[in-house]
Amino acid sequence: QVQLVESGGGLVQAGGSLRLSCAASGRTFSSYTMVWFRQAPGKEREFVVVMSRNGGGIYYADSVKGRFTVSRDNAKNTVYLQMNSLKPEDTAVYYCAARNGPMGTGVLLYDYWGQGTQVTVSS
């Protein structure tokens, strides 16, 4: 099992940047595919980016491609989401999640979830 804790959210103006972190407990972090989702008020949880266990495979949602960058440090049991050129429509609670399996974009694929961190982008 793995426990996930997100941090780094906050309030930023449009065009600004934030870096989210997701720290995982456990010794087998490198066994997990990691993903970021987000959920805006009144909307369904939305896929943002997924990264494979070794970091060699990455897939971004079109809405964030070219602006967001995911990375992971398996030695620190942490995955990061660097968000640049933020837009008001990026406002959401951001969740990291993990699964011991191949990459996927569906919410139901992921077994372990963090509590979420709020990102608010003002216009």
N, C-alpha and C. Protein backbone atom coordinates (compact mmCIF):
# COMPACT_ATOMS: atom_id res chain seq x y z
N GLN A 1 0.83 -1.18 0.00
CA GLN A 1 0.00 0.00 0.00
C GLN A 1 0.88 1.24 0.00
N VAL A 2 0.32 2.35 -0.49
CA VAL A 2 1.07 3.59 -0.52
C VAL A 2 0.15 4.72 -0.10
N GLN A 3 0.69 5.66 0.64
CA GLN A 3 -0.05 6.85 1.04
C GLN A 3 0.56 8.05 0.33
N LEU A 4 -0.30 8.95 -0.13
CA LEU A 4 0.12 10.07 -0.95
C LEU A 4 -0.29 11.37 -0.29
N VAL A 5 0.62 12.34 -0.31
CA VAL A 5 0.32 13.66 0.25
C VAL A 5 0.77 14.72 -0.74
N GLU A 6 -0.19 15.51 -1.22
CA GLU A 6 0.12 16.59 -2.15
C GLU A 6 0.43 17.88 -1.40
N SER A 7 1.21 18.72 -2.03
CA SER A 7 1.49 20.05 -1.49
C SER A 7 1.86 20.97 -2.64
N GLY A 8 1.90 22.28 -2.34
CA GLY A 8 2.35 23.23 -3.33
C GLY A 8 1.27 24.05 -3.99
N GLY A 9 0.03 23.76 -3.68
CA GLY A 9 -1.05 24.54 -4.27
C GLY A 9 -1.09 25.95 -3.71
N GLY A 10 -1.92 26.80 -4.31
CA GLY A 10 -2.05 28.16 -3.84
C GLY A 10 -2.77 29.02 -4.83
N LEU A 11 -2.69 30.32 -4.58
CA LEU A 11 -3.31 31.32 -5.45
C LEU A 11 -2.24 32.00 -6.29
N VAL A 12 -2.49 32.06 -7.59
CA VAL A 12 -1.51 32.65 -8.49
C VAL A 12 -2.26 33.41 -9.58
N GLN A 13 -1.62 34.44 -10.11
CA GLN A 13 -2.24 35.19 -11.20
C GLN A 13 -2.06 34.44 -12.51
N ALA A 14 -2.94 34.72 -13.44
CA ALA A 14 -2.83 34.11 -14.76
C ALA A 14 -1.46 34.42 -15.35
N GLY A 15 -0.88 33.40 -15.96
CA GLY A 15 0.46 33.52 -16.52
C GLY A 15 1.56 33.11 -15.55
N GLY A 16 1.19 32.90 -14.30
CA GLY A 16 2.16 32.52 -13.30
C GLY A 16 2.44 31.02 -13.28
N SER A 17 3.23 30.62 -12.29
CA SER A 17 3.66 29.24 -12.18
C SER A 17 3.49 28.72 -10.76
N LEU A 18 3.30 27.43 -10.66
CA LEU A 18 3.30 26.71 -9.39
C LEU A 18 3.94 25.36 -9.61
N ARG A 19 4.51 24.81 -8.55
CA ARG A 19 5.00 23.43 -8.61
C ARG A 19 4.34 22.63 -7.50
N LEU A 20 3.63 21.62 -7.91
CA LEU A 20 3.01 20.70 -6.97
C LEU A 20 3.93 19.53 -6.70
N SER A 21 3.85 19.02 -5.48
CA SER A 21 4.59 17.82 -5.10
C SER A 21 3.62 16.79 -4.57
N CYS A 22 3.98 15.56 -4.76
CA CYS A 22 3.19 14.45 -4.23
C CYS A 22 4.20 13.48 -3.60
N ALA A 23 4.19 13.45 -2.29
CA ALA A 23 5.11 12.58 -1.56
C ALA A 23 4.43 11.28 -1.21
N ALA A 24 5.12 10.19 -1.44
CA ALA A 24 4.56 8.86 -1.21
C ALA A 24 5.28 8.15 -0.10
N SER A 25 4.52 7.40 0.67
CA SER A 25 5.14 6.57 1.70
C SER A 25 5.46 5.21 1.08
N GLY A 26 6.23 4.41 1.80
CA GLY A 26 6.47 3.06 1.34
C GLY A 26 7.77 2.92 0.58
N ARG A 27 8.20 1.67 0.46
CA ARG A 27 9.50 1.38 -0.15
C ARG A 27 9.41 1.04 -1.63
N THR A 28 8.19 0.93 -2.13
CA THR A 28 8.04 0.44 -3.50
C THR A 28 7.50 1.51 -4.43
N PHE A 29 7.83 2.75 -4.16
CA PHE A 29 7.33 3.86 -4.98
C PHE A 29 7.65 3.65 -6.43
N SER A 30 8.82 3.13 -6.74
CA SER A 30 9.23 2.94 -8.12
C SER A 30 8.40 1.90 -8.85
N SER A 31 7.57 1.17 -8.12
CA SER A 31 6.70 0.18 -8.74
C SER A 31 5.39 0.77 -9.24
N TYR A 32 5.15 2.02 -8.94
CA TYR A 32 3.85 2.62 -9.19
C TYR A 32 3.85 3.58 -10.37
N THR A 33 2.85 3.41 -11.21
CA THR A 33 2.52 4.43 -12.18
C THR A 33 1.86 5.59 -11.43
N MET A 34 2.30 6.80 -11.74
CA MET A 34 1.78 7.98 -11.04
C MET A 34 1.01 8.87 -12.01
N VAL A 35 -0.03 9.47 -11.49
CA VAL A 35 -0.89 10.30 -12.33
C VAL A 35 -1.34 11.52 -11.55
N TRP A 36 -1.64 12.58 -12.28
CA TRP A 36 -2.28 13.76 -11.72
C TRP A 36 -3.65 13.92 -12.38
N PHE A 37 -4.65 14.15 -11.55
CA PHE A 37 -5.99 14.53 -11.98
C PHE A 37 -6.31 15.88 -11.36
N ARG A 38 -7.36 16.50 -11.86
CA ARG A 38 -7.85 17.72 -11.23
C ARG A 38 -9.38 17.73 -11.30
N GLN A 39 -9.95 18.48 -10.37
CA GLN A 39 -11.41 18.57 -10.32
C GLN A 39 -11.80 20.00 -9.99
N ALA A 40 -12.48 20.63 -10.93
CA ALA A 40 -13.01 21.97 -10.74
C ALA A 40 -14.40 21.86 -10.12
N PRO A 41 -14.85 22.92 -9.46
CA PRO A 41 -16.18 22.88 -8.83
C PRO A 41 -17.27 22.55 -9.83
N GLY A 42 -18.09 21.59 -9.49
CA GLY A 42 -19.21 21.23 -10.33
C GLY A 42 -18.85 20.39 -11.54
N LYS A 43 -17.60 19.98 -11.64
CA LYS A 43 -17.15 19.20 -12.79
C LYS A 43 -16.60 17.86 -12.35
N GLU A 44 -16.51 16.94 -13.32
CA GLU A 44 -15.94 15.63 -13.03
C GLU A 44 -14.42 15.74 -12.90
N ARG A 45 -13.87 14.75 -12.23
CA ARG A 45 -12.42 14.69 -12.11
C ARG A 45 -11.83 14.47 -13.50
N GLU A 46 -10.78 15.22 -13.80
CA GLU A 46 -10.23 15.27 -15.15
C GLU A 46 -8.77 14.84 -15.14
N PHE A 47 -8.42 14.01 -16.09
CA PHE A 47 -7.03 13.56 -16.25
C PHE A 47 -6.14 14.73 -16.65
N VAL A 48 -4.94 14.80 -16.07
CA VAL A 48 -3.97 15.84 -16.40
C VAL A 48 -2.73 15.23 -17.06
N VAL A 49 -2.08 14.30 -16.35
CA VAL A 49 -0.84 13.71 -16.88
C VAL A 49 -0.59 12.41 -16.14
N VAL A 50 0.02 11.46 -16.86
CA VAL A 50 0.43 10.19 -16.27
C VAL A 50 1.88 9.93 -16.60
N MET A 51 2.57 9.31 -15.63
CA MET A 51 3.98 8.98 -15.82
C MET A 51 4.21 7.52 -15.43
N SER A 52 4.98 6.83 -16.22
CA SER A 52 5.26 5.42 -15.97
C SER A 52 6.19 5.25 -14.77
N ARG A 53 6.37 3.99 -14.40
CA ARG A 53 7.13 3.70 -13.18
C ARG A 53 8.55 4.25 -13.22
N ASN A 54 9.19 4.12 -14.37
CA ASN A 54 10.58 4.58 -14.45
C ASN A 54 10.69 5.99 -15.03
N GLY A 55 9.56 6.61 -15.30
CA GLY A 55 9.56 7.96 -15.83
C GLY A 55 9.76 8.05 -17.33
N GLY A 56 9.96 6.91 -17.96
CA GLY A 56 10.23 6.93 -19.39
C GLY A 56 9.00 7.16 -20.25
N GLY A 57 7.83 6.92 -19.70
CA GLY A 57 6.59 7.13 -20.44
C GLY A 57 5.79 8.23 -19.79
N ILE A 58 5.37 9.21 -20.59
CA ILE A 58 4.60 10.33 -20.09
C ILE A 58 3.52 10.66 -21.11
N TYR A 59 2.33 10.97 -20.60
CA TYR A 59 1.23 11.34 -21.49
C TYR A 59 0.46 12.47 -20.84
N TYR A 60 0.31 13.57 -21.59
CA TYR A 60 -0.37 14.76 -21.08
C TYR A 60 -1.74 14.92 -21.73
N ALA A 61 -2.65 15.48 -20.97
CA ALA A 61 -3.90 15.93 -21.57
C ALA A 61 -3.60 17.10 -22.51
N ASP A 62 -4.36 17.21 -23.57
CA ASP A 62 -4.13 18.29 -24.54
C ASP A 62 -4.23 19.67 -23.89
N SER A 63 -5.07 19.78 -22.89
CA SER A 63 -5.31 21.08 -22.25
C SER A 63 -4.09 21.62 -21.51
N VAL A 64 -3.15 20.75 -21.18
CA VAL A 64 -1.98 21.19 -20.41
C VAL A 64 -0.67 20.99 -21.16
N LYS A 65 -0.73 20.34 -22.29
CA LYS A 65 0.49 20.03 -23.05
C LYS A 65 1.23 21.31 -23.40
N GLY A 66 2.53 21.30 -23.14
CA GLY A 66 3.36 22.47 -23.43
C GLY A 66 3.43 23.47 -22.29
N ARG A 67 2.56 23.31 -21.30
CA ARG A 67 2.57 24.22 -20.15
C ARG A 67 2.95 23.51 -18.85
N PHE A 68 2.55 22.27 -18.72
CA PHE A 68 2.81 21.49 -17.51
C PHE A 68 3.91 20.46 -17.79
N THR A 69 4.71 20.19 -16.76
CA THR A 69 5.77 19.18 -16.88
C THR A 69 5.75 18.31 -15.63
N VAL A 70 5.68 17.03 -15.85
CA VAL A 70 5.70 16.07 -14.74
C VAL A 70 7.10 15.47 -14.63
N SER A 71 7.47 15.17 -13.40
CA SER A 71 8.75 14.50 -13.16
C SER A 71 8.61 13.68 -11.88
N ARG A 72 9.51 12.75 -11.71
CA ARG A 72 9.50 11.96 -10.48
C ARG A 72 10.93 11.72 -10.03
N ASP A 73 11.08 11.62 -8.72
CA ASP A 73 12.36 11.29 -8.11
C ASP A 73 12.11 10.06 -7.26
N ASN A 74 12.45 8.91 -7.78
CA ASN A 74 12.16 7.67 -7.06
C ASN A 74 12.98 7.55 -5.79
N ALA A 75 14.13 8.21 -5.73
CA ALA A 75 14.94 8.18 -4.52
C ALA A 75 14.27 8.95 -3.39
N LYS A 76 13.45 9.94 -3.75
CA LYS A 76 12.75 10.75 -2.76
C LYS A 76 11.27 10.38 -2.64
N ASN A 77 10.87 9.37 -3.39
CA ASN A 77 9.46 8.94 -3.36
C ASN A 77 8.51 10.11 -3.65
N THR A 78 8.86 10.91 -4.63
CA THR A 78 8.08 12.11 -4.90
C THR A 78 7.88 12.29 -6.40
N VAL A 79 6.68 12.73 -6.74
CA VAL A 79 6.38 13.13 -8.12
C VAL A 79 6.02 14.61 -8.09
N TYR A 80 6.43 15.32 -9.14
CA TYR A 80 6.23 16.76 -9.20
C TYR A 80 5.39 17.12 -10.43
N LEU A 81 4.70 18.24 -10.30
CA LEU A 81 3.98 18.79 -11.44
C LEU A 81 4.31 20.28 -11.52
N GLN A 82 5.16 20.62 -12.48
CA GLN A 82 5.50 22.02 -12.73
C GLN A 82 4.46 22.59 -13.67
N MET A 83 3.80 23.65 -13.21
CA MET A 83 2.72 24.24 -14.00
C MET A 83 3.10 25.68 -14.35
N ASN A 84 3.25 25.93 -15.62
CA ASN A 84 3.61 27.25 -16.12
C ASN A 84 2.47 27.82 -16.96
N SER A 85 2.53 29.12 -17.20
CA SER A 85 1.52 29.80 -18.03
C SER A 85 0.11 29.43 -17.58
N LEU A 86 -0.10 29.53 -16.30
CA LEU A 86 -1.39 29.11 -15.75
C LEU A 86 -2.52 29.99 -16.23
N LYS A 87 -3.68 29.37 -16.40
CA LYS A 87 -4.88 30.04 -16.87
C LYS A 87 -5.98 29.91 -15.82
N PRO A 88 -6.95 30.80 -15.81
CA PRO A 88 -8.05 30.66 -14.86
C PRO A 88 -8.75 29.31 -14.96
N GLU A 89 -8.81 28.74 -16.14
CA GLU A 89 -9.46 27.44 -16.30
C GLU A 89 -8.65 26.28 -15.72
N ASP A 90 -7.44 26.55 -15.25
CA ASP A 90 -6.66 25.54 -14.54
C ASP A 90 -7.06 25.45 -13.06
N THR A 91 -7.90 26.37 -12.62
CA THR A 91 -8.35 26.37 -11.22
C THR A 91 -9.07 25.07 -10.91
N ALA A 92 -8.60 24.38 -9.88
CA ALA A 92 -9.15 23.08 -9.51
C ALA A 92 -8.43 22.57 -8.27
N VAL A 93 -8.98 21.51 -7.71
CA VAL A 93 -8.23 20.72 -6.74
C VAL A 93 -7.45 19.68 -7.53
N TYR A 94 -6.16 19.62 -7.27
CA TYR A 94 -5.28 18.69 -7.98
C TYR A 94 -4.97 17.50 -7.08
N TYR A 95 -5.14 16.33 -7.66
CA TYR A 95 -4.92 15.08 -6.95
C TYR A 95 -3.83 14.27 -7.63
N CYS A 96 -2.95 13.68 -6.84
CA CYS A 96 -2.09 12.65 -7.40
C CYS A 96 -2.66 11.29 -7.00
N ALA A 97 -2.36 10.32 -7.81
CA ALA A 97 -2.85 8.97 -7.58
C ALA A 97 -1.82 7.98 -8.10
N ALA A 98 -1.95 6.74 -7.66
CA ALA A 98 -0.97 5.72 -8.00
C ALA A 98 -1.65 4.39 -8.25
N ARG A 99 -1.02 3.60 -9.11
CA ARG A 99 -1.46 2.23 -9.32
C ARG A 99 -0.24 1.36 -9.61
N ASN A 100 -0.34 0.11 -9.22
CA ASN A 100 0.72 -0.85 -9.51
C ASN A 100 0.34 -1.56 -10.80
N GLY A 101 0.47 -0.83 -11.88
CA GLY A 101 0.06 -1.35 -13.17
C GLY A 101 0.47 -0.38 -14.25
N PRO A 102 0.11 -0.65 -15.49
CA PRO A 102 0.53 0.20 -16.61
C PRO A 102 -0.19 1.55 -16.60
N MET A 103 0.32 2.45 -17.44
CA MET A 103 -0.25 3.77 -17.55
C MET A 103 -1.69 3.71 -18.04
N GLY A 104 -2.49 4.65 -17.55
CA GLY A 104 -3.86 4.79 -18.00
C GLY A 104 -4.38 6.15 -17.59
N THR A 105 -5.49 6.56 -18.20
CA THR A 105 -6.04 7.89 -17.93
C THR A 105 -7.36 7.86 -17.19
N GLY A 106 -7.86 6.71 -16.88
CA GLY A 106 -9.16 6.61 -16.23
C GLY A 106 -9.07 6.71 -14.72
N VAL A 107 -10.00 7.44 -14.14
CA VAL A 107 -10.02 7.63 -12.68
C VAL A 107 -10.11 6.29 -11.95
N LEU A 108 -10.91 5.39 -12.49
CA LEU A 108 -11.17 4.13 -11.79
C LEU A 108 -9.98 3.18 -11.80
N LEU A 109 -8.96 3.47 -12.60
CA LEU A 109 -7.78 2.61 -12.66
C LEU A 109 -6.91 2.73 -11.42
N TYR A 110 -7.05 3.83 -10.70
CA TYR A 110 -6.08 4.15 -9.67
C TYR A 110 -6.59 3.81 -8.28
N ASP A 111 -5.73 3.16 -7.54
CA ASP A 111 -6.10 2.60 -6.25
C ASP A 111 -5.81 3.52 -5.08
N TYR A 112 -4.80 4.34 -5.22
CA TYR A 112 -4.33 5.16 -4.11
C TYR A 112 -4.40 6.63 -4.50
N TRP A 113 -4.93 7.44 -3.57
CA TRP A 113 -5.17 8.85 -3.85
C TRP A 113 -4.69 9.72 -2.70
N GLY A 114 -4.18 10.90 -3.06
CA GLY A 114 -3.92 11.90 -2.05
C GLY A 114 -5.17 12.67 -1.72
N GLN A 115 -5.03 13.61 -0.80
CA GLN A 115 -6.18 14.38 -0.33
C GLN A 115 -6.48 15.57 -1.24
N GLY A 116 -5.55 15.90 -2.11
CA GLY A 116 -5.74 17.01 -3.03
C GLY A 116 -5.15 18.31 -2.52
N THR A 117 -4.79 19.17 -3.46
CA THR A 117 -4.29 20.50 -3.13
C THR A 117 -4.96 21.51 -4.07
N GLN A 118 -5.41 22.62 -3.51
CA GLN A 118 -6.16 23.60 -4.27
C GLN A 118 -5.23 24.51 -5.07
N VAL A 119 -5.54 24.66 -6.33
CA VAL A 119 -4.86 25.63 -7.20
C VAL A 119 -5.91 26.61 -7.69
N THR A 120 -5.66 27.89 -7.45
CA THR A 120 -6.57 28.93 -7.89
C THR A 120 -5.80 29.93 -8.74
N VAL A 121 -6.28 30.14 -9.95
CA VAL A 121 -5.63 31.07 -10.87
C VAL A 121 -6.57 32.24 -11.11
N SER A 122 -6.12 33.42 -10.74
CA SER A 122 -6.96 34.61 -10.91
C SER A 122 -6.67 35.28 -12.24
N SER A 123 -7.69 35.90 -12.79
CA SER A 123 -7.53 36.56 -14.10
C SER A 123 -7.10 38.01 -13.93
